[in-house]
């Protein structure tokens, strides 16, 4: 339900974001 600052999940999300996008916010 809520996105938390949990390192494992955040790192996984950022890896995907870097694959999909040119710039990450």
PDBML (XML) file of the C-alpha atoms, coordinates in Angstrom:
<?xml version="1.0" encoding="UTF-8" ?>
<PDBx:datablock datablockName="MODEL"
   xmlns:PDBx="http://pdbml.pdb.org/schema/pdbx-v50.xsd"
   xmlns:xsi="http://www.w3.org/2001/XMLSchema-instance"
   xsi:schemaLocation="http://pdbml.pdb.org/schema/pdbx-v50.xsd pdbx-v50.xsd">
   <PDBx:atom_siteCategory>
      <PDBx:atom_site id="1">
         <PDBx:B_iso_or_equiv>0.00</PDBx:B_iso_or_equiv>
         <PDBx:Cartn_x>0.000</PDBx:Cartn_x>
         <PDBx:Cartn_y>0.000</PDBx:Cartn_y>
         <PDBx:Cartn_z>0.000</PDBx:Cartn_z>
         <PDBx:auth_asym_id>A</PDBx:auth_asym_id>
         <PDBx:auth_atom_id>CA</PDBx:auth_atom_id>
         <PDBx:auth_comp_id>UNK</PDBx:auth_comp_id>
         <PDBx:auth_seq_id>1</PDBx:auth_seq_id>
         <PDBx:group_PDB>ATOM</PDBx:group_PDB>
         <PDBx:label_alt_id xsi:nil="true" />
         <PDBx:label_asym_id>A</PDBx:label_asym_id>
         <PDBx:label_atom_id>CA</PDBx:label_atom_id>
         <PDBx:label_comp_id>UNK</PDBx:label_comp_id>
         <PDBx:label_entity_id>1</PDBx:label_entity_id>
         <PDBx:label_seq_id>1</PDBx:label_seq_id>
         <PDBx:occupancy>1.00</PDBx:occupancy>
         <PDBx:pdbx_PDB_model_num>1</PDBx:pdbx_PDB_model_num>
         <PDBx:type_symbol>C</PDBx:type_symbol>
      </PDBx:atom_site>
      <PDBx:atom_site id="2">
         <PDBx:B_iso_or_equiv>0.00</PDBx:B_iso_or_equiv>
         <PDBx:Cartn_x>2.787</PDBx:Cartn_x>
         <PDBx:Cartn_y>2.499</PDBx:Cartn_y>
         <PDBx:Cartn_z>0.874</PDBx:Cartn_z>
         <PDBx:auth_asym_id>A</PDBx:auth_asym_id>
         <PDBx:auth_atom_id>CA</PDBx:auth_atom_id>
         <PDBx:auth_comp_id>UNK</PDBx:auth_comp_id>
         <PDBx:auth_seq_id>2</PDBx:auth_seq_id>
         <PDBx:group_PDB>ATOM</PDBx:group_PDB>
         <PDBx:label_alt_id xsi:nil="true" />
         <PDBx:label_asym_id>A</PDBx:label_asym_id>
         <PDBx:label_atom_id>CA</PDBx:label_atom_id>
         <PDBx:label_comp_id>UNK</PDBx:label_comp_id>
         <PDBx:label_entity_id>1</PDBx:label_entity_id>
         <PDBx:label_seq_id>2</PDBx:label_seq_id>
         <PDBx:occupancy>1.00</PDBx:occupancy>
         <PDBx:pdbx_PDB_model_num>1</PDBx:pdbx_PDB_model_num>
         <PDBx:type_symbol>C</PDBx:type_symbol>
      </PDBx:atom_site>
      <PDBx:atom_site id="3">
         <PDBx:B_iso_or_equiv>0.00</PDBx:B_iso_or_equiv>
         <PDBx:Cartn_x>6.285</PDBx:Cartn_x>
         <PDBx:Cartn_y>2.958</PDBx:Cartn_y>
         <PDBx:Cartn_z>-0.587</PDBx:Cartn_z>
         <PDBx:auth_asym_id>A</PDBx:auth_asym_id>
         <PDBx:auth_atom_id>CA</PDBx:auth_atom_id>
         <PDBx:auth_comp_id>UNK</PDBx:auth_comp_id>
         <PDBx:auth_seq_id>3</PDBx:auth_seq_id>
         <PDBx:group_PDB>ATOM</PDBx:group_PDB>
         <PDBx:label_alt_id xsi:nil="true" />
         <PDBx:label_asym_id>A</PDBx:label_asym_id>
         <PDBx:label_atom_id>CA</PDBx:label_atom_id>
         <PDBx:label_comp_id>UNK</PDBx:label_comp_id>
         <PDBx:label_entity_id>1</PDBx:label_entity_id>
         <PDBx:label_seq_id>3</PDBx:label_seq_id>
         <PDBx:occupancy>1.00</PDBx:occupancy>
         <PDBx:pdbx_PDB_model_num>1</PDBx:pdbx_PDB_model_num>
         <PDBx:type_symbol>C</PDBx:type_symbol>
      </PDBx:atom_site>
      <PDBx:atom_site id="4">
         <PDBx:B_iso_or_equiv>0.00</PDBx:B_iso_or_equiv>
         <PDBx:Cartn_x>8.803</PDBx:Cartn_x>
         <PDBx:Cartn_y>2.913</PDBx:Cartn_y>
         <PDBx:Cartn_z>2.259</PDBx:Cartn_z>
         <PDBx:auth_asym_id>A</PDBx:auth_asym_id>
         <PDBx:auth_atom_id>CA</PDBx:auth_atom_id>
         <PDBx:auth_comp_id>UNK</PDBx:auth_comp_id>
         <PDBx:auth_seq_id>4</PDBx:auth_seq_id>
         <PDBx:group_PDB>ATOM</PDBx:group_PDB>
         <PDBx:label_alt_id xsi:nil="true" />
         <PDBx:label_asym_id>A</PDBx:label_asym_id>
         <PDBx:label_atom_id>CA</PDBx:label_atom_id>
         <PDBx:label_comp_id>UNK</PDBx:label_comp_id>
         <PDBx:label_entity_id>1</PDBx:label_entity_id>
         <PDBx:label_seq_id>4</PDBx:label_seq_id>
         <PDBx:occupancy>1.00</PDBx:occupancy>
         <PDBx:pdbx_PDB_model_num>1</PDBx:pdbx_PDB_model_num>
         <PDBx:type_symbol>C</PDBx:type_symbol>
      </PDBx:atom_site>
      <PDBx:atom_site id="5">
         <PDBx:B_iso_or_equiv>0.00</PDBx:B_iso_or_equiv>
         <PDBx:Cartn_x>12.480</PDBx:Cartn_x>
         <PDBx:Cartn_y>3.824</PDBx:Cartn_y>
         <PDBx:Cartn_z>2.345</PDBx:Cartn_z>
         <PDBx:auth_asym_id>A</PDBx:auth_asym_id>
         <PDBx:auth_atom_id>CA</PDBx:auth_atom_id>
         <PDBx:auth_comp_id>UNK</PDBx:auth_comp_id>
         <PDBx:auth_seq_id>5</PDBx:auth_seq_id>
         <PDBx:group_PDB>ATOM</PDBx:group_PDB>
         <PDBx:label_alt_id xsi:nil="true" />
         <PDBx:label_asym_id>A</PDBx:label_asym_id>
         <PDBx:label_atom_id>CA</PDBx:label_atom_id>
         <PDBx:label_comp_id>UNK</PDBx:label_comp_id>
         <PDBx:label_entity_id>1</PDBx:label_entity_id>
         <PDBx:label_seq_id>5</PDBx:label_seq_id>
         <PDBx:occupancy>1.00</PDBx:occupancy>
         <PDBx:pdbx_PDB_model_num>1</PDBx:pdbx_PDB_model_num>
         <PDBx:type_symbol>C</PDBx:type_symbol>
      </PDBx:atom_site>
      <PDBx:atom_site id="6">
         <PDBx:B_iso_or_equiv>0.00</PDBx:B_iso_or_equiv>
         <PDBx:Cartn_x>13.633</PDBx:Cartn_x>
         <PDBx:Cartn_y>0.218</PDBx:Cartn_y>
         <PDBx:Cartn_z>2.557</PDBx:Cartn_z>
         <PDBx:auth_asym_id>A</PDBx:auth_asym_id>
         <PDBx:auth_atom_id>CA</PDBx:auth_atom_id>
         <PDBx:auth_comp_id>UNK</PDBx:auth_comp_id>
         <PDBx:auth_seq_id>6</PDBx:auth_seq_id>
         <PDBx:group_PDB>ATOM</PDBx:group_PDB>
         <PDBx:label_alt_id xsi:nil="true" />
         <PDBx:label_asym_id>A</PDBx:label_asym_id>
         <PDBx:label_atom_id>CA</PDBx:label_atom_id>
         <PDBx:label_comp_id>UNK</PDBx:label_comp_id>
         <PDBx:label_entity_id>1</PDBx:label_entity_id>
         <PDBx:label_seq_id>6</PDBx:label_seq_id>
         <PDBx:occupancy>1.00</PDBx:occupancy>
         <PDBx:pdbx_PDB_model_num>1</PDBx:pdbx_PDB_model_num>
         <PDBx:type_symbol>C</PDBx:type_symbol>
      </PDBx:atom_site>
      <PDBx:atom_site id="7">
         <PDBx:B_iso_or_equiv>0.00</PDBx:B_iso_or_equiv>
         <PDBx:Cartn_x>17.095</PDBx:Cartn_x>
         <PDBx:Cartn_y>-0.159</PDBx:Cartn_y>
         <PDBx:Cartn_z>1.057</PDBx:Cartn_z>
         <PDBx:auth_asym_id>A</PDBx:auth_asym_id>
         <PDBx:auth_atom_id>CA</PDBx:auth_atom_id>
         <PDBx:auth_comp_id>UNK</PDBx:auth_comp_id>
         <PDBx:auth_seq_id>7</PDBx:auth_seq_id>
         <PDBx:group_PDB>ATOM</PDBx:group_PDB>
         <PDBx:label_alt_id xsi:nil="true" />
         <PDBx:label_asym_id>A</PDBx:label_asym_id>
         <PDBx:label_atom_id>CA</PDBx:label_atom_id>
         <PDBx:label_comp_id>UNK</PDBx:label_comp_id>
         <PDBx:label_entity_id>1</PDBx:label_entity_id>
         <PDBx:label_seq_id>7</PDBx:label_seq_id>
         <PDBx:occupancy>1.00</PDBx:occupancy>
         <PDBx:pdbx_PDB_model_num>1</PDBx:pdbx_PDB_model_num>
         <PDBx:type_symbol>C</PDBx:type_symbol>
      </PDBx:atom_site>
      <PDBx:atom_site id="8">
         <PDBx:B_iso_or_equiv>0.00</PDBx:B_iso_or_equiv>
         <PDBx:Cartn_x>16.646</PDBx:Cartn_x>
         <PDBx:Cartn_y>-3.443</PDBx:Cartn_y>
         <PDBx:Cartn_z>-0.790</PDBx:Cartn_z>
         <PDBx:auth_asym_id>A</PDBx:auth_asym_id>
         <PDBx:auth_atom_id>CA</PDBx:auth_atom_id>
         <PDBx:auth_comp_id>UNK</PDBx:auth_comp_id>
         <PDBx:auth_seq_id>8</PDBx:auth_seq_id>
         <PDBx:group_PDB>ATOM</PDBx:group_PDB>
         <PDBx:label_alt_id xsi:nil="true" />
         <PDBx:label_asym_id>A</PDBx:label_asym_id>
         <PDBx:label_atom_id>CA</PDBx:label_atom_id>
         <PDBx:label_comp_id>UNK</PDBx:label_comp_id>
         <PDBx:label_entity_id>1</PDBx:label_entity_id>
         <PDBx:label_seq_id>8</PDBx:label_seq_id>
         <PDBx:occupancy>1.00</PDBx:occupancy>
         <PDBx:pdbx_PDB_model_num>1</PDBx:pdbx_PDB_model_num>
         <PDBx:type_symbol>C</PDBx:type_symbol>
      </PDBx:atom_site>
      <PDBx:atom_site id="9">
         <PDBx:B_iso_or_equiv>0.00</PDBx:B_iso_or_equiv>
         <PDBx:Cartn_x>13.426</PDBx:Cartn_x>
         <PDBx:Cartn_y>-2.325</PDBx:Cartn_y>
         <PDBx:Cartn_z>-2.470</PDBx:Cartn_z>
         <PDBx:auth_asym_id>A</PDBx:auth_asym_id>
         <PDBx:auth_atom_id>CA</PDBx:auth_atom_id>
         <PDBx:auth_comp_id>UNK</PDBx:auth_comp_id>
         <PDBx:auth_seq_id>9</PDBx:auth_seq_id>
         <PDBx:group_PDB>ATOM</PDBx:group_PDB>
         <PDBx:label_alt_id xsi:nil="true" />
         <PDBx:label_asym_id>A</PDBx:label_asym_id>
         <PDBx:label_atom_id>CA</PDBx:label_atom_id>
         <PDBx:label_comp_id>UNK</PDBx:label_comp_id>
         <PDBx:label_entity_id>1</PDBx:label_entity_id>
         <PDBx:label_seq_id>9</PDBx:label_seq_id>
         <PDBx:occupancy>1.00</PDBx:occupancy>
         <PDBx:pdbx_PDB_model_num>1</PDBx:pdbx_PDB_model_num>
         <PDBx:type_symbol>C</PDBx:type_symbol>
      </PDBx:atom_site>
      <PDBx:atom_site id="10">
         <PDBx:B_iso_or_equiv>0.00</PDBx:B_iso_or_equiv>
         <PDBx:Cartn_x>14.733</PDBx:Cartn_x>
         <PDBx:Cartn_y>1.151</PDBx:Cartn_y>
         <PDBx:Cartn_z>-3.250</PDBx:Cartn_z>
         <PDBx:auth_asym_id>A</PDBx:auth_asym_id>
         <PDBx:auth_atom_id>CA</PDBx:auth_atom_id>
         <PDBx:auth_comp_id>UNK</PDBx:auth_comp_id>
         <PDBx:auth_seq_id>10</PDBx:auth_seq_id>
         <PDBx:group_PDB>ATOM</PDBx:group_PDB>
         <PDBx:label_alt_id xsi:nil="true" />
         <PDBx:label_asym_id>A</PDBx:label_asym_id>
         <PDBx:label_atom_id>CA</PDBx:label_atom_id>
         <PDBx:label_comp_id>UNK</PDBx:label_comp_id>
         <PDBx:label_entity_id>1</PDBx:label_entity_id>
         <PDBx:label_seq_id>10</PDBx:label_seq_id>
         <PDBx:occupancy>1.00</PDBx:occupancy>
         <PDBx:pdbx_PDB_model_num>1</PDBx:pdbx_PDB_model_num>
         <PDBx:type_symbol>C</PDBx:type_symbol>
      </PDBx:atom_site>
      <PDBx:atom_site id="11">
         <PDBx:B_iso_or_equiv>0.00</PDBx:B_iso_or_equiv>
         <PDBx:Cartn_x>17.939</PDBx:Cartn_x>
         <PDBx:Cartn_y>-0.159</PDBx:Cartn_y>
         <PDBx:Cartn_z>-4.861</PDBx:Cartn_z>
         <PDBx:auth_asym_id>A</PDBx:auth_asym_id>
         <PDBx:auth_atom_id>CA</PDBx:auth_atom_id>
         <PDBx:auth_comp_id>UNK</PDBx:auth_comp_id>
         <PDBx:auth_seq_id>11</PDBx:auth_seq_id>
         <PDBx:group_PDB>ATOM</PDBx:group_PDB>
         <PDBx:label_alt_id xsi:nil="true" />
         <PDBx:label_asym_id>A</PDBx:label_asym_id>
         <PDBx:label_atom_id>CA</PDBx:label_atom_id>
         <PDBx:label_comp_id>UNK</PDBx:label_comp_id>
         <PDBx:label_entity_id>1</PDBx:label_entity_id>
         <PDBx:label_seq_id>11</PDBx:label_seq_id>
         <PDBx:occupancy>1.00</PDBx:occupancy>
         <PDBx:pdbx_PDB_model_num>1</PDBx:pdbx_PDB_model_num>
         <PDBx:type_symbol>C</PDBx:type_symbol>
      </PDBx:atom_site>
      <PDBx:atom_site id="12">
         <PDBx:B_iso_or_equiv>0.00</PDBx:B_iso_or_equiv>
         <PDBx:Cartn_x>15.931</PDBx:Cartn_x>
         <PDBx:Cartn_y>-2.618</PDBx:Cartn_y>
         <PDBx:Cartn_z>-6.955</PDBx:Cartn_z>
         <PDBx:auth_asym_id>A</PDBx:auth_asym_id>
         <PDBx:auth_atom_id>CA</PDBx:auth_atom_id>
         <PDBx:auth_comp_id>UNK</PDBx:auth_comp_id>
         <PDBx:auth_seq_id>12</PDBx:auth_seq_id>
         <PDBx:group_PDB>ATOM</PDBx:group_PDB>
         <PDBx:label_alt_id xsi:nil="true" />
         <PDBx:label_asym_id>A</PDBx:label_asym_id>
         <PDBx:label_atom_id>CA</PDBx:label_atom_id>
         <PDBx:label_comp_id>UNK</PDBx:label_comp_id>
         <PDBx:label_entity_id>1</PDBx:label_entity_id>
         <PDBx:label_seq_id>12</PDBx:label_seq_id>
         <PDBx:occupancy>1.00</PDBx:occupancy>
         <PDBx:pdbx_PDB_model_num>1</PDBx:pdbx_PDB_model_num>
         <PDBx:type_symbol>C</PDBx:type_symbol>
      </PDBx:atom_site>
      <PDBx:atom_site id="13">
         <PDBx:B_iso_or_equiv>0.00</PDBx:B_iso_or_equiv>
         <PDBx:Cartn_x>13.606</PDBx:Cartn_x>
         <PDBx:Cartn_y>0.186</PDBx:Cartn_y>
         <PDBx:Cartn_z>-8.085</PDBx:Cartn_z>
         <PDBx:auth_asym_id>A</PDBx:auth_asym_id>
         <PDBx:auth_atom_id>CA</PDBx:auth_atom_id>
         <PDBx:auth_comp_id>UNK</PDBx:auth_comp_id>
         <PDBx:auth_seq_id>13</PDBx:auth_seq_id>
         <PDBx:group_PDB>ATOM</PDBx:group_PDB>
         <PDBx:label_alt_id xsi:nil="true" />
         <PDBx:label_asym_id>A</PDBx:label_asym_id>
         <PDBx:label_atom_id>CA</PDBx:label_atom_id>
         <PDBx:label_comp_id>UNK</PDBx:label_comp_id>
         <PDBx:label_entity_id>1</PDBx:label_entity_id>
         <PDBx:label_seq_id>13</PDBx:label_seq_id>
         <PDBx:occupancy>1.00</PDBx:occupancy>
         <PDBx:pdbx_PDB_model_num>1</PDBx:pdbx_PDB_model_num>
         <PDBx:type_symbol>C</PDBx:type_symbol>
      </PDBx:atom_site>
      <PDBx:atom_site id="14">
         <PDBx:B_iso_or_equiv>0.00</PDBx:B_iso_or_equiv>
         <PDBx:Cartn_x>16.529</PDBx:Cartn_x>
         <PDBx:Cartn_y>2.448</PDBx:Cartn_y>
         <PDBx:Cartn_z>-8.976</PDBx:Cartn_z>
         <PDBx:auth_asym_id>A</PDBx:auth_asym_id>
         <PDBx:auth_atom_id>CA</PDBx:auth_atom_id>
         <PDBx:auth_comp_id>UNK</PDBx:auth_comp_id>
         <PDBx:auth_seq_id>14</PDBx:auth_seq_id>
         <PDBx:group_PDB>ATOM</PDBx:group_PDB>
         <PDBx:label_alt_id xsi:nil="true" />
         <PDBx:label_asym_id>A</PDBx:label_asym_id>
         <PDBx:label_atom_id>CA</PDBx:label_atom_id>
         <PDBx:label_comp_id>UNK</PDBx:label_comp_id>
         <PDBx:label_entity_id>1</PDBx:label_entity_id>
         <PDBx:label_seq_id>14</PDBx:label_seq_id>
         <PDBx:occupancy>1.00</PDBx:occupancy>
         <PDBx:pdbx_PDB_model_num>1</PDBx:pdbx_PDB_model_num>
         <PDBx:type_symbol>C</PDBx:type_symbol>
      </PDBx:atom_site>
      <PDBx:atom_site id="15">
         <PDBx:B_iso_or_equiv>0.00</PDBx:B_iso_or_equiv>
         <PDBx:Cartn_x>18.178</PDBx:Cartn_x>
         <PDBx:Cartn_y>-0.224</PDBx:Cartn_y>
         <PDBx:Cartn_z>-11.082</PDBx:Cartn_z>
         <PDBx:auth_asym_id>A</PDBx:auth_asym_id>
         <PDBx:auth_atom_id>CA</PDBx:auth_atom_id>
         <PDBx:auth_comp_id>UNK</PDBx:auth_comp_id>
         <PDBx:auth_seq_id>15</PDBx:auth_seq_id>
         <PDBx:group_PDB>ATOM</PDBx:group_PDB>
         <PDBx:label_alt_id xsi:nil="true" />
         <PDBx:label_asym_id>A</PDBx:label_asym_id>
         <PDBx:label_atom_id>CA</PDBx:label_atom_id>
         <PDBx:label_comp_id>UNK</PDBx:label_comp_id>
         <PDBx:label_entity_id>1</PDBx:label_entity_id>
         <PDBx:label_seq_id>15</PDBx:label_seq_id>
         <PDBx:occupancy>1.00</PDBx:occupancy>
         <PDBx:pdbx_PDB_model_num>1</PDBx:pdbx_PDB_model_num>
         <PDBx:type_symbol>C</PDBx:type_symbol>
      </PDBx:atom_site>
      <PDBx:atom_site id="16">
         <PDBx:B_iso_or_equiv>0.00</PDBx:B_iso_or_equiv>
         <PDBx:Cartn_x>14.973</PDBx:Cartn_x>
         <PDBx:Cartn_y>-0.592</PDBx:Cartn_y>
         <PDBx:Cartn_z>-13.078</PDBx:Cartn_z>
         <PDBx:auth_asym_id>A</PDBx:auth_asym_id>
         <PDBx:auth_atom_id>CA</PDBx:auth_atom_id>
         <PDBx:auth_comp_id>UNK</PDBx:auth_comp_id>
         <PDBx:auth_seq_id>16</PDBx:auth_seq_id>
         <PDBx:group_PDB>ATOM</PDBx:group_PDB>
         <PDBx:label_alt_id xsi:nil="true" />
         <PDBx:label_asym_id>A</PDBx:label_asym_id>
         <PDBx:label_atom_id>CA</PDBx:label_atom_id>
         <PDBx:label_comp_id>UNK</PDBx:label_comp_id>
         <PDBx:label_entity_id>1</PDBx:label_entity_id>
         <PDBx:label_seq_id>16</PDBx:label_seq_id>
         <PDBx:occupancy>1.00</PDBx:occupancy>
         <PDBx:pdbx_PDB_model_num>1</PDBx:pdbx_PDB_model_num>
         <PDBx:type_symbol>C</PDBx:type_symbol>
      </PDBx:atom_site>
      <PDBx:atom_site id="17">
         <PDBx:B_iso_or_equiv>0.00</PDBx:B_iso_or_equiv>
         <PDBx:Cartn_x>14.573</PDBx:Cartn_x>
         <PDBx:Cartn_y>3.173</PDBx:Cartn_y>
         <PDBx:Cartn_z>-13.328</PDBx:Cartn_z>
         <PDBx:auth_asym_id>A</PDBx:auth_asym_id>
         <PDBx:auth_atom_id>CA</PDBx:auth_atom_id>
         <PDBx:auth_comp_id>UNK</PDBx:auth_comp_id>
         <PDBx:auth_seq_id>17</PDBx:auth_seq_id>
         <PDBx:group_PDB>ATOM</PDBx:group_PDB>
         <PDBx:label_alt_id xsi:nil="true" />
         <PDBx:label_asym_id>A</PDBx:label_asym_id>
         <PDBx:label_atom_id>CA</PDBx:label_atom_id>
         <PDBx:label_comp_id>UNK</PDBx:label_comp_id>
         <PDBx:label_entity_id>1</PDBx:label_entity_id>
         <PDBx:label_seq_id>17</PDBx:label_seq_id>
         <PDBx:occupancy>1.00</PDBx:occupancy>
         <PDBx:pdbx_PDB_model_num>1</PDBx:pdbx_PDB_model_num>
         <PDBx:type_symbol>C</PDBx:type_symbol>
      </PDBx:atom_site>
      <PDBx:atom_site id="18">
         <PDBx:B_iso_or_equiv>0.00</PDBx:B_iso_or_equiv>
         <PDBx:Cartn_x>18.076</PDBx:Cartn_x>
         <PDBx:Cartn_y>3.498</PDBx:Cartn_y>
         <PDBx:Cartn_z>-14.777</PDBx:Cartn_z>
         <PDBx:auth_asym_id>A</PDBx:auth_asym_id>
         <PDBx:auth_atom_id>CA</PDBx:auth_atom_id>
         <PDBx:auth_comp_id>UNK</PDBx:auth_comp_id>
         <PDBx:auth_seq_id>18</PDBx:auth_seq_id>
         <PDBx:group_PDB>ATOM</PDBx:group_PDB>
         <PDBx:label_alt_id xsi:nil="true" />
         <PDBx:label_asym_id>A</PDBx:label_asym_id>
         <PDBx:label_atom_id>CA</PDBx:label_atom_id>
         <PDBx:label_comp_id>UNK</PDBx:label_comp_id>
         <PDBx:label_entity_id>1</PDBx:label_entity_id>
         <PDBx:label_seq_id>18</PDBx:label_seq_id>
         <PDBx:occupancy>1.00</PDBx:occupancy>
         <PDBx:pdbx_PDB_model_num>1</PDBx:pdbx_PDB_model_num>
         <PDBx:type_symbol>C</PDBx:type_symbol>
      </PDBx:atom_site>
      <PDBx:atom_site id="19">
         <PDBx:B_iso_or_equiv>0.00</PDBx:B_iso_or_equiv>
         <PDBx:Cartn_x>17.210</PDBx:Cartn_x>
         <PDBx:Cartn_y>0.924</PDBx:Cartn_y>
         <PDBx:Cartn_z>-17.428</PDBx:Cartn_z>
         <PDBx:auth_asym_id>A</PDBx:auth_asym_id>
         <PDBx:auth_atom_id>CA</PDBx:auth_atom_id>
         <PDBx:auth_comp_id>UNK</PDBx:auth_comp_id>
         <PDBx:auth_seq_id>19</PDBx:auth_seq_id>
         <PDBx:group_PDB>ATOM</PDBx:group_PDB>
         <PDBx:label_alt_id xsi:nil="true" />
         <PDBx:label_asym_id>A</PDBx:label_asym_id>
         <PDBx:label_atom_id>CA</PDBx:label_atom_id>
         <PDBx:label_comp_id>UNK</PDBx:label_comp_id>
         <PDBx:label_entity_id>1</PDBx:label_entity_id>
         <PDBx:label_seq_id>19</PDBx:label_seq_id>
         <PDBx:occupancy>1.00</PDBx:occupancy>
         <PDBx:pdbx_PDB_model_num>1</PDBx:pdbx_PDB_model_num>
         <PDBx:type_symbol>C</PDBx:type_symbol>
      </PDBx:atom_site>
      <PDBx:atom_site id="20">
         <PDBx:B_iso_or_equiv>0.00</PDBx:B_iso_or_equiv>
         <PDBx:Cartn_x>13.969</PDBx:Cartn_x>
         <PDBx:Cartn_y>2.648</PDBx:Cartn_y>
         <PDBx:Cartn_z>-18.401</PDBx:Cartn_z>
         <PDBx:auth_asym_id>A</PDBx:auth_asym_id>
         <PDBx:auth_atom_id>CA</PDBx:auth_atom_id>
         <PDBx:auth_comp_id>UNK</PDBx:auth_comp_id>
         <PDBx:auth_seq_id>20</PDBx:auth_seq_id>
         <PDBx:group_PDB>ATOM</PDBx:group_PDB>
         <PDBx:label_alt_id xsi:nil="true" />
         <PDBx:label_asym_id>A</PDBx:label_asym_id>
         <PDBx:label_atom_id>CA</PDBx:label_atom_id>
         <PDBx:label_comp_id>UNK</PDBx:label_comp_id>
         <PDBx:label_entity_id>1</PDBx:label_entity_id>
         <PDBx:label_seq_id>20</PDBx:label_seq_id>
         <PDBx:occupancy>1.00</PDBx:occupancy>
         <PDBx:pdbx_PDB_model_num>1</PDBx:pdbx_PDB_model_num>
         <PDBx:type_symbol>C</PDBx:type_symbol>
      </PDBx:atom_site>
      <PDBx:atom_site id="21">
         <PDBx:B_iso_or_equiv>0.00</PDBx:B_iso_or_equiv>
         <PDBx:Cartn_x>14.896</PDBx:Cartn_x>
         <PDBx:Cartn_y>6.319</PDBx:Cartn_y>
         <PDBx:Cartn_z>-18.185</PDBx:Cartn_z>
         <PDBx:auth_asym_id>A</PDBx:auth_asym_id>
         <PDBx:auth_atom_id>CA</PDBx:auth_atom_id>
         <PDBx:auth_comp_id>UNK</PDBx:auth_comp_id>
         <PDBx:auth_seq_id>21</PDBx:auth_seq_id>
         <PDBx:group_PDB>ATOM</PDBx:group_PDB>
         <PDBx:label_alt_id xsi:nil="true" />
         <PDBx:label_asym_id>A</PDBx:label_asym_id>
         <PDBx:label_atom_id>CA</PDBx:label_atom_id>
         <PDBx:label_comp_id>UNK</PDBx:label_comp_id>
         <PDBx:label_entity_id>1</PDBx:label_entity_id>
         <PDBx:label_seq_id>21</PDBx:label_seq_id>
         <PDBx:occupancy>1.00</PDBx:occupancy>
         <PDBx:pdbx_PDB_model_num>1</PDBx:pdbx_PDB_model_num>
         <PDBx:type_symbol>C</PDBx:type_symbol>
      </PDBx:atom_site>
      <PDBx:atom_site id="22">
         <PDBx:B_iso_or_equiv>0.00</PDBx:B_iso_or_equiv>
         <PDBx:Cartn_x>17.636</PDBx:Cartn_x>
         <PDBx:Cartn_y>8.833</PDBx:Cartn_y>
         <PDBx:Cartn_z>-18.992</PDBx:Cartn_z>
         <PDBx:auth_asym_id>A</PDBx:auth_asym_id>
         <PDBx:auth_atom_id>CA</PDBx:auth_atom_id>
         <PDBx:auth_comp_id>UNK</PDBx:auth_comp_id>
         <PDBx:auth_seq_id>22</PDBx:auth_seq_id>
         <PDBx:group_PDB>ATOM</PDBx:group_PDB>
         <PDBx:label_alt_id xsi:nil="true" />
         <PDBx:label_asym_id>A</PDBx:label_asym_id>
         <PDBx:label_atom_id>CA</PDBx:label_atom_id>
         <PDBx:label_comp_id>UNK</PDBx:label_comp_id>
         <PDBx:label_entity_id>1</PDBx:label_entity_id>
         <PDBx:label_seq_id>22</PDBx:label_seq_id>
         <PDBx:occupancy>1.00</PDBx:occupancy>
         <PDBx:pdbx_PDB_model_num>1</PDBx:pdbx_PDB_model_num>
         <PDBx:type_symbol>C</PDBx:type_symbol>
      </PDBx:atom_site>
      <PDBx:atom_site id="23">
         <PDBx:B_iso_or_equiv>0.00</PDBx:B_iso_or_equiv>
         <PDBx:Cartn_x>17.309</PDBx:Cartn_x>
         <PDBx:Cartn_y>10.718</PDBx:Cartn_y>
         <PDBx:Cartn_z>-15.698</PDBx:Cartn_z>
         <PDBx:auth_asym_id>A</PDBx:auth_asym_id>
         <PDBx:auth_atom_id>CA</PDBx:auth_atom_id>
         <PDBx:auth_comp_id>UNK</PDBx:auth_comp_id>
         <PDBx:auth_seq_id>23</PDBx:auth_seq_id>
         <PDBx:group_PDB>ATOM</PDBx:group_PDB>
         <PDBx:label_alt_id xsi:nil="true" />
         <PDBx:label_asym_id>A</PDBx:label_asym_id>
         <PDBx:label_atom_id>CA</PDBx:label_atom_id>
         <PDBx:label_comp_id>UNK</PDBx:label_comp_id>
         <PDBx:label_entity_id>1</PDBx:label_entity_id>
         <PDBx:label_seq_id>23</PDBx:label_seq_id>
         <PDBx:occupancy>1.00</PDBx:occupancy>
         <PDBx:pdbx_PDB_model_num>1</PDBx:pdbx_PDB_model_num>
         <PDBx:type_symbol>C</PDBx:type_symbol>
      </PDBx:atom_site>
      <PDBx:atom_site id="24">
         <PDBx:B_iso_or_equiv>0.00</PDBx:B_iso_or_equiv>
         <PDBx:Cartn_x>16.082</PDBx:Cartn_x>
         <PDBx:Cartn_y>9.682</PDBx:Cartn_y>
         <PDBx:Cartn_z>-12.231</PDBx:Cartn_z>
         <PDBx:auth_asym_id>A</PDBx:auth_asym_id>
         <PDBx:auth_atom_id>CA</PDBx:auth_atom_id>
         <PDBx:auth_comp_id>UNK</PDBx:auth_comp_id>
         <PDBx:auth_seq_id>24</PDBx:auth_seq_id>
         <PDBx:group_PDB>ATOM</PDBx:group_PDB>
         <PDBx:label_alt_id xsi:nil="true" />
         <PDBx:label_asym_id>A</PDBx:label_asym_id>
         <PDBx:label_atom_id>CA</PDBx:label_atom_id>
         <PDBx:label_comp_id>UNK</PDBx:label_comp_id>
         <PDBx:label_entity_id>1</PDBx:label_entity_id>
         <PDBx:label_seq_id>24</PDBx:label_seq_id>
         <PDBx:occupancy>1.00</PDBx:occupancy>
         <PDBx:pdbx_PDB_model_num>1</PDBx:pdbx_PDB_model_num>
         <PDBx:type_symbol>C</PDBx:type_symbol>
      </PDBx:atom_site>
      <PDBx:atom_site id="25">
         <PDBx:B_iso_or_equiv>0.00</PDBx:B_iso_or_equiv>
         <PDBx:Cartn_x>14.316</PDBx:Cartn_x>
         <PDBx:Cartn_y>11.844</PDBx:Cartn_y>
         <PDBx:Cartn_z>-9.644</PDBx:Cartn_z>
         <PDBx:auth_asym_id>A</PDBx:auth_asym_id>
         <PDBx:auth_atom_id>CA</PDBx:auth_atom_id>
         <PDBx:auth_comp_id>UNK</PDBx:auth_comp_id>
         <PDBx:auth_seq_id>25</PDBx:auth_seq_id>
         <PDBx:group_PDB>ATOM</PDBx:group_PDB>
         <PDBx:label_alt_id xsi:nil="true" />
         <PDBx:label_asym_id>A</PDBx:label_asym_id>
         <PDBx:label_atom_id>CA</PDBx:label_atom_id>
         <PDBx:label_comp_id>UNK</PDBx:label_comp_id>
         <PDBx:label_entity_id>1</PDBx:label_entity_id>
         <PDBx:label_seq_id>25</PDBx:label_seq_id>
         <PDBx:occupancy>1.00</PDBx:occupancy>
         <PDBx:pdbx_PDB_model_num>1</PDBx:pdbx_PDB_model_num>
         <PDBx:type_symbol>C</PDBx:type_symbol>
      </PDBx:atom_site>
   </PDBx:atom_siteCategory>
</PDBx:datablock>
